[in-house]
């Protein structure tokens, strides 16, 4: 769903690469990975020696990627003689493609030469709309890159109730983050719905009816995932009710939303028989931002019924 590419600093001025920088971003299914701590400095040095027109074009594109946090650090275990050696030493589940000027003697199948027309390469191609088996490992792979780098993650599913059918997927998502060597504080949120039993129910009745359900969901969730979180993390549970006005939004689709982007799971976040499938759609930047606002305390679309927040 989202692929990570390493870009050799020396090829940043290649004419074909300058245009391809537009095809990077979490919402486009590709981000850049920094092989070394000095990658940005090395890129700046190369760009300084480019002609003025190239320099401006590269700087504009890189500025957007940095702003969108679409350039992220990659784990590096040891120093290597060359940039290429360091890149090929990174495991395949962390790095999908390596863009270089010349392949050299390396047989790594992830390598793409900048001089080639690699736009149709299987390594380069990404799928922003696909199908996934409804087992926790297959589904979690679609959000693995987001889980590794996001600071805020919202699981939004109207039917979430803290049962194992939901928590198995969530635990697998958190394992992707826990096993990632680059650590950052995470703000984790769960957003779900309480259905009005009758349109005439007032808010007080709703609260009384939903308290037990909400409390049970909180207890089962924290019991299942606490060991996968760190002391600096925070968790929040938010129970929403749809407004009664005729223009109200339905809380129906299921999402994993982050501060970097989001993914929609058409069949839900709950796992089922692996023979079943769910559609998986990478959200545009604008859509992800809109949905993040929708599932915030000041939401105009839904009414917040219950909320509990916990800092570990």
C-alpha atoms as a PDB file:
ATOM      1  CA  UNK A   1       0.000   0.000   0.000  1.00  0.00           C
ATOM      2  CA  UNK A   2       2.831   2.435   0.924  1.00  0.00           C
ATOM      3  CA  UNK A   3       6.363   1.763  -0.307  1.00  0.00           C
ATOM      4  CA  UNK A   4       9.635   3.229   0.976  1.00  0.00           C
ATOM      5  CA  UNK A   5      12.399   4.206  -1.464  1.00  0.00           C
ATOM      6  CA  UNK A   6      15.981   5.181  -0.813  1.00  0.00           C
ATOM      7  CA  UNK A   7      17.412   7.775  -3.183  1.00  0.00           C
ATOM      8  CA  UNK A   8      21.138   8.071  -3.771  1.00  0.00           C
ATOM      9  CA  UNK A   9      21.996  11.752  -3.177  1.00  0.00           C
ATOM     10  CA  UNK A  10      24.077  12.068  -6.347  1.00  0.00           C
ATOM     11  CA  UNK A  11      21.109  11.292  -8.627  1.00  0.00           C
ATOM     12  CA  UNK A  12      18.807  13.963  -7.174  1.00  0.00           C
ATOM     13  CA  UNK A  13      19.644  16.245 -10.125  1.00  0.00           C
ATOM     14  CA  UNK A  14      18.751  13.642 -12.773  1.00  0.00           C
ATOM     15  CA  UNK A  15      16.059  15.240 -14.958  1.00  0.00           C
ATOM     16  CA  UNK A  16      13.770  12.188 -14.813  1.00  0.00           C
ATOM     17  CA  UNK A  17      14.131  12.041 -11.006  1.00  0.00           C
ATOM     18  CA  UNK A  18      13.176  15.680 -10.533  1.00  0.00           C
ATOM     19  CA  UNK A  19       9.786  14.960 -12.077  1.00  0.00           C
ATOM     20  CA  UNK A  20       9.343  11.740 -10.127  1.00  0.00           C
ATOM     21  CA  UNK A  21       9.675  13.612  -6.836  1.00  0.00           C
ATOM     22  CA  UNK A  22       6.073  14.680  -7.476  1.00  0.00           C
ATOM     23  CA  UNK A  23       5.066  11.036  -7.141  1.00  0.00           C
ATOM     24  CA  UNK A  24       6.177  10.788  -3.529  1.00  0.00           C
ATOM     25  CA  UNK A  25       3.905  11.359  -0.547  1.00  0.00           C
ATOM     26  CA  UNK A  26       1.981   9.200   1.901  1.00  0.00           C
ATOM     27  CA  UNK A  27      -1.199   9.769  -0.084  1.00  0.00           C
ATOM     28  CA  UNK A  28       0.501   8.568  -3.279  1.00  0.00           C
ATOM     29  CA  UNK A  29       1.858   5.369  -1.795  1.00  0.00           C
ATOM     30  CA  UNK A  30       5.557   6.277  -1.849  1.00  0.00           C
ATOM     31  CA  UNK A  31       7.861   7.959   0.641  1.00  0.00           C
ATOM     32  CA  UNK A  32      11.611   8.559   0.750  1.00  0.00           C
ATOM     33  CA  UNK A  33      13.780   6.836   3.332  1.00  0.00           C
ATOM     34  CA  UNK A  34      17.007   8.345   4.631  1.00  0.00           C
ATOM     35  CA  UNK A  35      19.731   5.711   4.613  1.00  0.00           C
ATOM     36  CA  UNK A  36      22.114   7.802   6.699  1.00  0.00           C
ATOM     37  CA  UNK A  37      21.881  10.725   9.118  1.00  0.00           C
ATOM     38  CA  UNK A  38      23.812  12.847   6.637  1.00  0.00           C
ATOM     39  CA  UNK A  39      21.458  12.183   3.698  1.00  0.00           C
ATOM     40  CA  UNK A  40      19.808  15.626   3.779  1.00  0.00           C
ATOM     41  CA  UNK A  41      23.156  17.400   3.996  1.00  0.00           C
ATOM     42  CA  UNK A  42      24.515  15.361   1.086  1.00  0.00           C
ATOM     43  CA  UNK A  43      21.433  16.151  -1.012  1.00  0.00           C
ATOM     44  CA  UNK A  44      21.791  19.884  -0.270  1.00  0.00           C
ATOM     45  CA  UNK A  45      25.427  19.737  -1.327  1.00  0.00           C
ATOM     46  CA  UNK A  46      24.557  18.079  -4.656  1.00  0.00           C
ATOM     47  CA  UNK A  47      21.695  20.518  -5.301  1.00  0.00           C
ATOM     48  CA  UNK A  48      23.982  23.514  -4.722  1.00  0.00           C
ATOM     49  CA  UNK A  49      26.014  22.507  -7.763  1.00  0.00           C
ATOM     50  CA  UNK A  50      22.982  22.135 -10.043  1.00  0.00           C
ATOM     51  CA  UNK A  51      22.039  24.823 -12.559  1.00  0.00           C
ATOM     52  CA  UNK A  52      19.617  27.456 -11.265  1.00  0.00           C
ATOM     53  CA  UNK A  53      16.510  26.076 -12.957  1.00  0.00           C
ATOM     54  CA  UNK A  54      17.126  22.520 -11.702  1.00  0.00           C
ATOM     55  CA  UNK A  55      18.014  23.768  -8.252  1.00  0.00           C
ATOM     56  CA  UNK A  56      14.752  25.671  -7.854  1.00  0.00           C
ATOM     57  CA  UNK A  57      12.648  22.735  -9.082  1.00  0.00           C
ATOM     58  CA  UNK A  58      14.326  20.290  -6.714  1.00  0.00           C
ATOM     59  CA  UNK A  59      14.078  22.623  -3.726  1.00  0.00           C
ATOM     60  CA  UNK A  60      10.346  23.183  -4.267  1.00  0.00           C
ATOM     61  CA  UNK A  61       9.648  19.462  -4.443  1.00  0.00           C
ATOM     62  CA  UNK A  62      11.830  18.561  -1.486  1.00  0.00           C
ATOM     63  CA  UNK A  63      10.300  21.323   0.616  1.00  0.00           C
ATOM     64  CA  UNK A  64       6.857  19.791   0.077  1.00  0.00           C
ATOM     65  CA  UNK A  65       8.098  16.319   1.006  1.00  0.00           C
ATOM     66  CA  UNK A  66       9.806  17.562   4.163  1.00  0.00           C
ATOM     67  CA  UNK A  67       6.698  19.527   5.156  1.00  0.00           C
ATOM     68  CA  UNK A  68       4.486  16.458   4.654  1.00  0.00           C
ATOM     69  CA  UNK A  69       7.013  14.291   6.536  1.00  0.00           C
ATOM     70  CA  UNK A  70       7.288  12.090   3.476  1.00  0.00           C
ATOM     71  CA  UNK A  71      11.046  11.770   4.092  1.00  0.00           C
ATOM     72  CA  UNK A  72      11.703   9.471   7.039  1.00  0.00           C
ATOM     73  CA  UNK A  73      14.673   7.829   8.728  1.00  0.00           C
ATOM     74  CA  UNK A  74      15.503   4.216   8.005  1.00  0.00           C
ATOM     75  CA  UNK A  75      17.128   1.867  10.528  1.00  0.00           C
ATOM     76  CA  UNK A  76      20.865   1.491   9.970  1.00  0.00           C
ATOM     77  CA  UNK A  77      22.827  -1.026  12.017  1.00  0.00           C
ATOM     78  CA  UNK A  78      26.405  -0.230  11.039  1.00  0.00           C
ATOM     79  CA  UNK A  79      28.570   1.998   8.874  1.00  0.00           C
ATOM     80  CA  UNK A  80      29.371   0.883   5.335  1.00  0.00           C
ATOM     81  CA  UNK A  81      31.960   1.867   2.746  1.00  0.00           C
ATOM     82  CA  UNK A  82      29.394   3.209   0.294  1.00  0.00           C
ATOM     83  CA  UNK A  83      25.856   4.554   0.329  1.00  0.00           C
ATOM     84  CA  UNK A  84      24.735   1.640  -1.873  1.00  0.00           C
ATOM     85  CA  UNK A  85      26.184  -0.931   0.513  1.00  0.00           C
ATOM     86  CA  UNK A  86      24.337   0.704   3.387  1.00  0.00           C
ATOM     87  CA  UNK A  87      21.070   0.770   1.434  1.00  0.00           C
ATOM     88  CA  UNK A  88      21.202  -2.855   0.290  1.00  0.00           C
ATOM     89  CA  UNK A  89      21.925  -3.918   3.868  1.00  0.00           C
ATOM     90  CA  UNK A  90      18.543  -2.589   5.045  1.00  0.00           C
ATOM     91  CA  UNK A  91      15.953  -5.406   5.286  1.00  0.00           C
ATOM     92  CA  UNK A  92      13.357  -5.673   2.535  1.00  0.00           C
ATOM     93  CA  UNK A  93      10.441  -5.214   4.902  1.00  0.00           C
ATOM     94  CA  UNK A  94      11.844  -1.757   5.749  1.00  0.00           C
ATOM     95  CA  UNK A  95      12.905  -0.621   2.276  1.00  0.00           C
ATOM     96  CA  UNK A  96      11.142  -1.484  -0.991  1.00  0.00           C
ATOM     97  CA  UNK A  97      13.237   0.270  -3.641  1.00  0.00           C
ATOM     98  CA  UNK A  98      16.725   1.746  -4.062  1.00  0.00           C
ATOM     99  CA  UNK A  99      17.196   4.432  -6.734  1.00  0.00           C
ATOM    100  CA  UNK A 100      20.804   4.799  -7.899  1.00  0.00           C
ATOM    101  CA  UNK A 101      22.875   6.222 -10.727  1.00  0.00           C
ATOM    102  CA  UNK A 102      24.519   2.899 -11.532  1.00  0.00           C
ATOM    103  CA  UNK A 103      23.760  -0.557 -10.211  1.00  0.00           C
ATOM    104  CA  UNK A 104      27.377  -1.671 -10.032  1.00  0.00           C
ATOM    105  CA  UNK A 105      27.899  -5.302  -9.049  1.00  0.00           C
ATOM    106  CA  UNK A 106      24.917  -5.487  -6.720  1.00  0.00           C
ATOM    107  CA  UNK A 107      22.281  -8.107  -7.535  1.00  0.00           C
ATOM    108  CA  UNK A 108      19.691  -6.622  -5.196  1.00  0.00           C
ATOM    109  CA  UNK A 109      16.354  -6.804  -7.028  1.00  0.00           C
ATOM    110  CA  UNK A 110      15.172  -3.596  -5.326  1.00  0.00           C
ATOM    111  CA  UNK A 111      17.633  -1.431  -7.273  1.00  0.00           C
ATOM    112  CA  UNK A 112      16.303   0.979  -9.907  1.00  0.00           C
ATOM    113  CA  UNK A 113      18.752   2.873 -12.103  1.00  0.00           C
ATOM    114  CA  UNK A 114      17.796   6.506 -12.581  1.00  0.00           C
ATOM    115  CA  UNK A 115      18.808   6.373 -16.233  1.00  0.00           C
ATOM    116  CA  UNK A 116      16.283   3.607 -16.912  1.00  0.00           C
ATOM    117  CA  UNK A 117      12.599   4.133 -17.600  1.00  0.00           C
ATOM    118  CA  UNK A 118      11.552   2.366 -14.435  1.00  0.00           C
ATOM    119  CA  UNK A 119       8.048   3.837 -14.227  1.00  0.00           C
ATOM    120  CA  UNK A 120       6.524   0.498 -15.219  1.00  0.00           C
ATOM    121  CA  UNK A 121       8.754  -1.537 -12.928  1.00  0.00           C
ATOM    122  CA  UNK A 122       7.054  -3.785 -10.376  1.00  0.00           C
ATOM    123  CA  UNK A 123       9.372  -2.317  -7.741  1.00  0.00           C
ATOM    124  CA  UNK A 124       8.171   1.218  -8.508  1.00  0.00           C
ATOM    125  CA  UNK A 125       4.470   0.508  -8.968  1.00  0.00           C
ATOM    126  CA  UNK A 126       2.093   0.954  -6.035  1.00  0.00           C
ATOM    127  CA  UNK A 127      -1.555   0.089  -5.527  1.00  0.00           C
ATOM    128  CA  UNK A 128      -3.666   2.691  -3.751  1.00  0.00           C
ATOM    129  CA  UNK A 129      -6.815   0.554  -4.102  1.00  0.00           C
ATOM    130  CA  UNK A 130      -6.630  -3.166  -3.488  1.00  0.00           C
ATOM    131  CA  UNK A 131      -8.126  -6.182  -1.759  1.00  0.00           C
ATOM    132  CA  UNK A 132      -6.859  -7.833   1.399  1.00  0.00           C
ATOM    133  CA  UNK A 133      -7.657 -11.077   3.144  1.00  0.00           C
ATOM    134  CA  UNK A 134      -9.507 -10.364   6.367  1.00  0.00           C
ATOM    135  CA  UNK A 135      -6.850 -11.751   8.674  1.00  0.00           C
ATOM    136  CA  UNK A 136      -4.926  -9.480  11.022  1.00  0.00           C
ATOM    137  CA  UNK A 137      -1.496  -9.891   9.422  1.00  0.00           C
ATOM    138  CA  UNK A 138      -2.635  -9.201   5.859  1.00  0.00           C
ATOM    139  CA  UNK A 139      -4.692  -6.181   6.879  1.00  0.00           C
ATOM    140  CA  UNK A 140      -2.010  -4.723   9.148  1.00  0.00           C
ATOM    141  CA  UNK A 141       0.585  -4.787   6.351  1.00  0.00           C
ATOM    142  CA  UNK A 142      -1.410  -2.095   4.562  1.00  0.00           C
ATOM    143  CA  UNK A 143      -0.832   0.371   7.423  1.00  0.00           C
ATOM    144  CA  UNK A 144       2.613  -0.812   8.563  1.00  0.00           C
ATOM    145  CA  UNK A 145       4.498   2.234   7.229  1.00  0.00           C
ATOM    146  CA  UNK A 146       1.968   4.634   8.768  1.00  0.00           C
ATOM    147  CA  UNK A 147       2.232   2.846  12.126  1.00  0.00           C
ATOM    148  CA  UNK A 148       6.027   3.131  12.094  1.00  0.00           C
ATOM    149  CA  UNK A 149       6.177   6.872  11.567  1.00  0.00           C
ATOM    150  CA  UNK A 150       2.901   8.387  12.811  1.00  0.00           C
ATOM    151  CA  UNK A 151       2.614  10.290  16.087  1.00  0.00           C
ATOM    152  CA  UNK A 152      -1.180  10.055  16.165  1.00  0.00           C
ATOM    153  CA  UNK A 153      -3.294   7.051  15.148  1.00  0.00           C
ATOM    154  CA  UNK A 154      -7.092   6.853  15.175  1.00  0.00           C
ATOM    155  CA  UNK A 155      -8.942   3.584  14.699  1.00  0.00           C
ATOM    156  CA  UNK A 156     -12.430   4.626  13.627  1.00  0.00           C
ATOM    157  CA  UNK A 157     -15.017   1.855  13.420  1.00  0.00           C
ATOM    158  CA  UNK A 158     -18.652   2.348  14.430  1.00  0.00           C
ATOM    159  CA  UNK A 159     -18.885  -1.274  15.589  1.00  0.00           C
ATOM    160  CA  UNK A 160     -15.707  -1.353  17.702  1.00  0.00           C
ATOM    161  CA  UNK A 161     -16.469  -2.889  21.097  1.00  0.00           C
ATOM    162  CA  UNK A 162     -13.135  -4.158  22.409  1.00  0.00           C
ATOM    163  CA  UNK A 163     -13.792  -7.711  21.245  1.00  0.00           C
ATOM    164  CA  UNK A 164     -10.979  -9.925  19.994  1.00  0.00           C
ATOM    165  CA  UNK A 165     -12.228  -9.718  16.396  1.00  0.00           C
ATOM    166  CA  UNK A 166     -11.217  -6.022  16.422  1.00  0.00           C
ATOM    167  CA  UNK A 167      -8.311  -6.199  18.836  1.00  0.00           C
ATOM    168  CA  UNK A 168      -6.430  -8.878  16.871  1.00  0.00           C
ATOM    169  CA  UNK A 169      -6.002  -6.427  13.986  1.00  0.00           C
ATOM    170  CA  UNK A 170      -5.103  -3.534  16.283  1.00  0.00           C
ATOM    171  CA  UNK A 171      -2.504  -5.588  18.136  1.00  0.00           C
ATOM    172  CA  UNK A 172      -0.886  -6.565  14.849  1.00  0.00           C
ATOM    173  CA  UNK A 173      -0.723  -2.891  13.841  1.00  0.00           C
ATOM    174  CA  UNK A 174       0.954  -2.028  17.143  1.00  0.00           C
ATOM    175  CA  UNK A 175       3.452  -4.868  16.714  1.00  0.00           C
ATOM    176  CA  UNK A 176       4.651  -3.232  13.477  1.00  0.00           C
ATOM    177  CA  UNK A 177       5.382  -0.111  15.486  1.00  0.00           C
ATOM    178  CA  UNK A 178       6.789  -1.857  18.559  1.00  0.00           C
ATOM    179  CA  UNK A 179       9.309  -3.817  16.472  1.00  0.00           C
ATOM    180  CA  UNK A 180      10.469  -0.685  14.633  1.00  0.00           C
ATOM    181  CA  UNK A 181      13.842   0.544  15.965  1.00  0.00           C
ATOM    182  CA  UNK A 182      13.047   4.252  15.536  1.00  0.00           C
ATOM    183  CA  UNK A 183      10.817   5.200  18.457  1.00  0.00           C
ATOM    184  CA  UNK A 184       8.401   8.084  18.897  1.00  0.00           C
ATOM    185  CA  UNK A 185       5.597   8.860  21.323  1.00  0.00           C
ATOM    186  CA  UNK A 186       2.200   7.687  20.117  1.00  0.00           C
ATOM    187  CA  UNK A 187      -1.229   9.137  20.768  1.00  0.00           C
ATOM    188  CA  UNK A 188      -3.655   6.278  20.129  1.00  0.00           C
ATOM    189  CA  UNK A 189      -7.402   6.785  19.819  1.00  0.00           C
ATOM    190  CA  UNK A 190     -10.448   4.560  19.346  1.00  0.00           C
ATOM    191  CA  UNK A 191     -13.606   6.047  17.855  1.00  0.00           C
ATOM    192  CA  UNK A 192     -16.867   4.119  17.813  1.00  0.00           C
ATOM    193  CA  UNK A 193     -20.618   4.682  17.797  1.00  0.00           C
ATOM    194  CA  UNK A 194     -23.588   4.262  20.072  1.00  0.00           C
ATOM    195  CA  UNK A 195     -26.854   3.769  18.239  1.00  0.00           C
ATOM    196  CA  UNK A 196     -29.920   5.595  19.448  1.00  0.00           C
ATOM    197  CA  UNK A 197     -32.528   3.020  20.417  1.00  0.00           C
ATOM    198  CA  UNK A 198     -35.171   5.552  19.467  1.00  0.00           C
ATOM    199  CA  UNK A 199     -34.986   8.943  17.737  1.00  0.00           C
ATOM    200  CA  UNK A 200     -36.860  10.373  20.717  1.00  0.00           C
ATOM    201  CA  UNK A 201     -34.193   9.390  23.261  1.00  0.00           C
ATOM    202  CA  UNK A 202     -32.709  12.410  24.966  1.00  0.00           C
ATOM    203  CA  UNK A 203     -29.010  12.734  25.760  1.00  0.00           C
ATOM    204  CA  UNK A 204     -29.411  11.736  29.390  1.00  0.00           C
ATOM    205  CA  UNK A 205     -31.117   8.484  28.447  1.00  0.00           C
ATOM    206  CA  UNK A 206     -28.440   7.779  25.905  1.00  0.00           C
ATOM    207  CA  UNK A 207     -25.696   8.265  28.464  1.00  0.00           C
ATOM    208  CA  UNK A 208     -27.319   5.907  30.936  1.00  0.00           C
ATOM    209  CA  UNK A 209     -27.817   3.234  28.291  1.00  0.00           C
ATOM    210  CA  UNK A 210     -24.300   3.474  26.864  1.00  0.00           C
ATOM    211  CA  UNK A 211     -22.176   3.793  30.018  1.00  0.00           C
ATOM    212  CA  UNK A 212     -21.839   0.057  30.621  1.00  0.00           C
ATOM    213  CA  UNK A 213     -20.951  -0.611  26.961  1.00  0.00           C
ATOM    214  CA  UNK A 214     -18.363   2.154  26.941  1.00  0.00           C
ATOM    215  CA  UNK A 215     -16.735   1.055  30.208  1.00  0.00           C
ATOM    216  CA  UNK A 216     -16.527  -2.538  29.016  1.00  0.00           C
ATOM    217  CA  UNK A 217     -14.879  -1.446  25.766  1.00  0.00           C
ATOM    218  CA  UNK A 218     -12.262   0.575  27.636  1.00  0.00           C
ATOM    219  CA  UNK A 219     -11.431  -2.289  30.009  1.00  0.00           C
ATOM    220  CA  UNK A 220     -11.069  -4.945  27.326  1.00  0.00           C
ATOM    221  CA  UNK A 221      -8.993  -2.689  25.070  1.00  0.00           C
ATOM    222  CA  UNK A 222      -6.446  -1.647  27.675  1.00  0.00           C
ATOM    223  CA  UNK A 223      -6.127  -5.220  28.892  1.00  0.00           C
ATOM    224  CA  UNK A 224      -5.328  -6.444  25.384  1.00  0.00           C
ATOM    225  CA  UNK A 225      -2.877  -3.787  24.173  1.00  0.00           C
ATOM    226  CA  UNK A 226      -1.160  -2.284  27.219  1.00  0.00           C
ATOM    227  CA  UNK A 227       1.935  -4.485  26.865  1.00  0.00           C
ATOM    228  CA  UNK A 228       2.399  -3.255  23.298  1.00  0.00           C
ATOM    229  CA  UNK A 229       2.613   0.409  24.335  1.00  0.00           C
ATOM    230  CA  UNK A 230       5.321   2.445  26.021  1.00  0.00           C
ATOM    231  CA  UNK A 231       5.183   4.610  29.109  1.00  0.00           C
ATOM    232  CA  UNK A 232       5.155   7.807  27.057  1.00  0.00           C
ATOM    233  CA  UNK A 233       2.123   6.780  24.975  1.00  0.00           C
ATOM    234  CA  UNK A 234      -1.448   7.935  25.527  1.00  0.00           C
ATOM    235  CA  UNK A 235      -4.788   6.293  24.722  1.00  0.00           C
ATOM    236  CA  UNK A 236      -8.239   7.741  24.207  1.00  0.00           C
ATOM    237  CA  UNK A 237     -11.689   6.253  23.711  1.00  0.00           C
ATOM    238  CA  UNK A 238     -14.457   8.290  22.069  1.00  0.00           C
ATOM    239  CA  UNK A 239     -18.040   7.170  21.743  1.00  0.00           C
ATOM    240  CA  UNK A 240     -20.092   9.129  19.232  1.00  0.00           C
ATOM    241  CA  UNK A 241     -23.738   9.397  18.378  1.00  0.00           C
ATOM    242  CA  UNK A 242     -25.070  10.601  15.048  1.00  0.00           C
ATOM    243  CA  UNK A 243     -26.910  13.906  15.166  1.00  0.00           C
ATOM    244  CA  UNK A 244     -30.639  13.971  14.565  1.00  0.00           C
ATOM    245  CA  UNK A 245     -30.811  16.747  11.980  1.00  0.00           C
ATOM    246  CA  UNK A 246     -31.655  15.751   8.432  1.00  0.00           C
ATOM    247  CA  UNK A 247     -28.215  16.691   7.082  1.00  0.00           C
ATOM    248  CA  UNK A 248     -26.261  14.603   9.606  1.00  0.00           C
ATOM    249  CA  UNK A 249     -23.312  12.485   8.520  1.00  0.00           C
ATOM    250  CA  UNK A 250     -23.475   8.706   8.919  1.00  0.00           C
ATOM    251  CA  UNK A 251     -20.701   7.080  10.911  1.00  0.00           C
ATOM    252  CA  UNK A 252     -20.347   3.987   8.775  1.00  0.00           C
ATOM    253  CA  UNK A 253     -17.002   3.597   7.002  1.00  0.00           C
ATOM    254  CA  UNK A 254     -14.003   2.178   8.850  1.00  0.00           C
ATOM    255  CA  UNK A 255     -10.614   3.896   8.856  1.00  0.00           C
ATOM    256  CA  UNK A 256      -7.109   3.961  10.223  1.00  0.00           C
ATOM    257  CA  UNK A 257      -6.331   7.691  10.366  1.00  0.00           C
ATOM    258  CA  UNK A 258      -2.987   9.233  11.269  1.00  0.00           C
ATOM    259  CA  UNK A 259      -1.280  12.610  11.190  1.00  0.00           C
ATOM    260  CA  UNK A 260       0.486  11.401   8.019  1.00  0.00           C
ATOM    261  CA  UNK A 261      -2.452   9.990   6.080  1.00  0.00           C
ATOM    262  CA  UNK A 262      -5.062   7.296   6.267  1.00  0.00           C
ATOM    263  CA  UNK A 263      -6.481   4.054   4.931  1.00  0.00           C
ATOM    264  CA  UNK A 264     -10.103   2.978   4.554  1.00  0.00           C
ATOM    265  CA  UNK A 265     -11.085  -0.660   5.090  1.00  0.00           C
ATOM    266  CA  UNK A 266     -14.386  -1.240   3.315  1.00  0.00           C
ATOM    267  CA  UNK A 267     -15.187  -4.467   5.141  1.00  0.00           C
ATOM    268  CA  UNK A 268     -14.324  -3.185   8.597  1.00  0.00           C
ATOM    269  CA  UNK A 269     -11.393  -3.396  10.998  1.00  0.00           C
ATOM    270  CA  UNK A 270     -12.549  -6.708  12.448  1.00  0.00           C
ATOM    271  CA  UNK A 271     -10.917  -9.904  11.259  1.00  0.00           C
ATOM    272  CA  UNK A 272     -12.917 -12.764   9.800  1.00  0.00           C
ATOM    273  CA  UNK A 273     -12.337 -16.007   7.949  1.00  0.00           C
ATOM    274  CA  UNK A 274      -9.212 -15.512   5.820  1.00  0.00           C
ATOM    275  CA  UNK A 275     -11.202 -16.589   2.758  1.00  0.00           C
ATOM    276  CA  UNK A 276     -13.104 -13.309   3.038  1.00  0.00           C
ATOM    277  CA  UNK A 277     -11.679 -10.100   1.609  1.00  0.00           C
ATOM    278  CA  UNK A 278     -11.990  -6.393   2.268  1.00  0.00           C
ATOM    279  CA  UNK A 279     -11.314  -3.447   0.002  1.00  0.00           C
ATOM    280  CA  UNK A 280      -8.387  -1.282   1.127  1.00  0.00           C
ATOM    281  CA  UNK A 281      -8.144   2.307  -0.111  1.00  0.00           C
ATOM    282  CA  UNK A 282      -5.371   4.811   0.482  1.00  0.00           C
ATOM    283  CA  UNK A 283      -6.933   8.169   1.324  1.00  0.00           C
ATOM    284  CA  UNK A 284      -5.975  11.427  -0.328  1.00  0.00           C
ATOM    285  CA  UNK A 285      -4.322  14.022   1.858  1.00  0.00           C
ATOM    286  CA  UNK A 286      -7.444  16.226   1.834  1.00  0.00           C
ATOM    287  CA  UNK A 287      -9.785  13.346   2.709  1.00  0.00           C
ATOM    288  CA  UNK A 288      -7.560  12.168   5.561  1.00  0.00           C
ATOM    289  CA  UNK A 289      -7.444  15.697   6.999  1.00  0.00           C
ATOM    290  CA  UNK A 290     -11.240  16.057   6.728  1.00  0.00           C
ATOM    291  CA  UNK A 291     -11.830  12.751   8.512  1.00  0.00           C
ATOM    292  CA  UNK A 292      -9.316  13.572  11.234  1.00  0.00           C
ATOM    293  CA  UNK A 293     -11.306  16.725  11.969  1.00  0.00           C
ATOM    294  CA  UNK A 294     -14.556  14.768  11.941  1.00  0.00           C
ATOM    295  CA  UNK A 295     -13.250  12.493  14.702  1.00  0.00           C
ATOM    296  CA  UNK A 296     -12.048  15.305  16.963  1.00  0.00           C
ATOM    297  CA  UNK A 297     -13.604  16.716  20.120  1.00  0.00           C
ATOM    298  CA  UNK A 298     -14.935  19.752  18.301  1.00  0.00           C
ATOM    299  CA  UNK A 299     -16.620  17.670  15.589  1.00  0.00           C
ATOM    300  CA  UNK A 300     -19.570  19.282  13.866  1.00  0.00           C
ATOM    301  CA  UNK A 301     -20.648  15.999  12.262  1.00  0.00           C
ATOM    302  CA  UNK A 302     -21.092  13.802  15.354  1.00  0.00           C
ATOM    303  CA  UNK A 303     -22.002  14.358  18.971  1.00  0.00           C
ATOM    304  CA  UNK A 304     -19.503  13.087  21.556  1.00  0.00           C
ATOM    305  CA  UNK A 305     -21.295  10.927  24.098  1.00  0.00           C
ATOM    306  CA  UNK A 306     -18.468   9.438  26.206  1.00  0.00           C
ATOM    307  CA  UNK A 307     -14.736  10.075  26.330  1.00  0.00           C
ATOM    308  CA  UNK A 308     -11.897   8.687  28.396  1.00  0.00           C
ATOM    309  CA  UNK A 309      -8.209   9.501  28.013  1.00  0.00           C
ATOM    310  CA  UNK A 310      -5.259   7.782  29.649  1.00  0.00           C
ATOM    311  CA  UNK A 311      -1.559   8.585  29.729  1.00  0.00           C
ATOM    312  CA  UNK A 312       0.727   5.657  30.426  1.00  0.00           C
END
